[in-house]
C-alpha cells in the first residue's frame, strides 16, 4: 500500500497491519498515511489539506 501524501510504500508488520494510520476525508473515504507524514503533519486537518 502507498501513502496518499508522499506516494511512498507504507511498511507493514508481520500481521499485515500498516505502520501508519488511516484518515477519513470530508467524503468519508479512508486514506492511508505513512508514519513519516504523521510526524510531519501533526493534526488531521493538515493531513487532509495536503491530499
N, C-alpha and C. Protein backbone atom coordinates (compact mmCIF):
# COMPACT_ATOMS: atom_id res chain seq x y z
N UNK A 1 0.83 -1.16 0.00
CA UNK A 1 0.00 0.00 0.00
C UNK A 1 0.89 1.24 0.00
N UNK A 2 0.42 2.33 -0.62
CA UNK A 2 1.19 3.56 -0.72
C UNK A 2 0.53 4.67 0.08
N UNK A 3 1.37 5.58 0.55
CA UNK A 3 0.91 6.76 1.28
C UNK A 3 0.21 7.70 0.31
N UNK A 4 -0.92 8.27 0.74
CA UNK A 4 -1.67 9.19 -0.12
C UNK A 4 -0.98 10.54 -0.25
N UNK A 5 -0.11 10.90 0.69
CA UNK A 5 0.53 12.21 0.69
C UNK A 5 1.84 12.18 -0.09
N UNK A 6 2.77 11.30 0.31
CA UNK A 6 4.11 11.30 -0.29
C UNK A 6 4.30 10.21 -1.34
N UNK A 7 3.34 9.32 -1.50
CA UNK A 7 3.35 8.26 -2.52
C UNK A 7 4.44 7.20 -2.29
N UNK A 8 5.03 7.15 -1.09
CA UNK A 8 6.00 6.11 -0.76
C UNK A 8 5.27 4.87 -0.25
N UNK A 9 5.94 3.74 -0.33
CA UNK A 9 5.37 2.49 0.15
C UNK A 9 5.30 2.50 1.67
N UNK A 10 4.16 2.09 2.23
CA UNK A 10 3.99 2.02 3.67
C UNK A 10 4.36 0.62 4.12
N UNK A 11 5.23 0.54 5.11
CA UNK A 11 5.66 -0.75 5.63
C UNK A 11 4.54 -1.39 6.44
N UNK A 12 4.57 -2.72 6.50
CA UNK A 12 3.57 -3.47 7.24
C UNK A 12 4.25 -4.36 8.26
N UNK A 13 3.52 -4.66 9.35
CA UNK A 13 4.04 -5.58 10.35
C UNK A 13 3.83 -7.00 9.86
N UNK A 14 4.26 -7.97 10.64
CA UNK A 14 4.13 -9.37 10.21
C UNK A 14 2.68 -9.82 10.19
N UNK A 15 1.78 -9.09 10.82
CA UNK A 15 0.35 -9.40 10.78
C UNK A 15 -0.39 -8.57 9.73
N UNK A 16 0.37 -7.97 8.80
CA UNK A 16 -0.15 -7.16 7.70
C UNK A 16 -0.90 -5.92 8.16
N UNK A 17 -0.46 -5.35 9.31
CA UNK A 17 -1.01 -4.07 9.76
C UNK A 17 -0.08 -2.96 9.30
N UNK A 18 -0.64 -1.80 8.98
CA UNK A 18 0.16 -0.68 8.48
C UNK A 18 0.95 -0.04 9.61
N UNK A 19 2.17 0.40 9.27
CA UNK A 19 2.95 1.21 10.19
C UNK A 19 2.61 2.65 9.81
N UNK A 20 1.44 3.08 10.21
CA UNK A 20 0.89 4.39 9.86
C UNK A 20 -0.55 4.42 10.33
N UNK A 21 -1.38 5.15 9.64
CA UNK A 21 -2.77 5.25 10.04
C UNK A 21 -3.65 5.52 8.83
N UNK A 22 -4.95 5.47 9.06
CA UNK A 22 -5.94 5.85 8.07
C UNK A 22 -6.57 7.16 8.52
N UNK A 23 -6.85 8.05 7.55
CA UNK A 23 -7.51 9.31 7.82
C UNK A 23 -8.73 9.40 6.91
N UNK A 24 -9.88 9.76 7.48
CA UNK A 24 -11.08 9.93 6.66
C UNK A 24 -11.14 11.37 6.16
N UNK A 25 -11.41 11.51 4.86
CA UNK A 25 -11.56 12.85 4.30
C UNK A 25 -13.00 13.32 4.47
N UNK A 26 -13.35 14.44 3.87
CA UNK A 26 -14.68 15.04 4.03
C UNK A 26 -15.79 14.14 3.48
N UNK A 27 -15.47 13.35 2.47
CA UNK A 27 -16.47 12.46 1.87
C UNK A 27 -16.59 11.13 2.59
N UNK A 28 -15.72 10.88 3.58
CA UNK A 28 -15.78 9.64 4.34
C UNK A 28 -14.88 8.55 3.80
N UNK A 29 -14.08 8.85 2.78
CA UNK A 29 -13.18 7.86 2.20
C UNK A 29 -11.94 7.72 3.08
N UNK A 30 -11.54 6.49 3.36
CA UNK A 30 -10.34 6.25 4.17
C UNK A 30 -9.10 6.38 3.30
N UNK A 31 -8.12 7.13 3.79
CA UNK A 31 -6.87 7.32 3.08
C UNK A 31 -5.72 6.91 3.98
N UNK A 32 -4.76 6.18 3.43
CA UNK A 32 -3.62 5.68 4.19
C UNK A 32 -2.54 6.75 4.26
N UNK A 33 -1.96 6.91 5.46
CA UNK A 33 -0.90 7.89 5.68
C UNK A 33 0.24 7.18 6.39
N UNK A 34 1.48 7.39 5.91
CA UNK A 34 2.64 6.72 6.49
C UNK A 34 3.07 7.40 7.79
N UNK A 35 3.98 6.75 8.51
CA UNK A 35 4.46 7.23 9.79
C UNK A 35 5.23 8.55 9.66
N UNK A 36 6.01 8.69 8.59
CA UNK A 36 6.79 9.91 8.39
C UNK A 36 5.89 11.11 8.15
N UNK A 37 4.83 10.94 7.39
CA UNK A 37 3.88 12.03 7.15
C UNK A 37 3.07 12.34 8.41
N UNK A 38 2.85 11.35 9.24
CA UNK A 38 2.18 11.59 10.52
C UNK A 38 3.02 12.51 11.39
N UNK A 39 4.34 12.31 11.38
CA UNK A 39 5.22 13.16 12.17
C UNK A 39 5.27 14.57 11.60
N UNK A 40 5.22 14.68 10.26
CA UNK A 40 5.32 15.97 9.59
C UNK A 40 4.06 16.81 9.82
N UNK A 41 2.89 16.18 9.67
CA UNK A 41 1.61 16.87 9.85
C UNK A 41 0.99 16.39 11.16
N UNK A 42 0.94 17.27 12.14
CA UNK A 42 0.54 16.88 13.49
C UNK A 42 -0.94 16.59 13.67
N UNK A 43 -1.82 17.27 12.92
CA UNK A 43 -3.25 17.02 13.13
C UNK A 43 -3.93 16.62 11.83
N UNK A 44 -5.14 16.19 11.95
CA UNK A 44 -5.89 15.62 10.84
C UNK A 44 -6.17 16.66 9.75
N UNK A 45 -6.44 17.90 10.13
CA UNK A 45 -6.76 18.94 9.16
C UNK A 45 -5.58 19.22 8.24
N UNK A 46 -4.37 19.24 8.78
CA UNK A 46 -3.18 19.47 7.96
C UNK A 46 -2.96 18.32 6.98
N UNK A 47 -3.23 17.09 7.42
CA UNK A 47 -3.07 15.93 6.54
C UNK A 47 -4.06 15.99 5.39
N UNK A 48 -5.30 16.35 5.68
CA UNK A 48 -6.34 16.40 4.65
C UNK A 48 -6.03 17.50 3.64
N UNK A 49 -5.52 18.64 4.10
CA UNK A 49 -5.18 19.73 3.18
C UNK A 49 -4.08 19.32 2.21
N UNK A 50 -3.15 18.50 2.66
CA UNK A 50 -2.03 18.09 1.81
C UNK A 50 -2.42 17.01 0.79
N UNK A 51 -3.58 16.41 0.94
CA UNK A 51 -4.03 15.41 -0.02
C UNK A 51 -4.43 16.14 -1.27
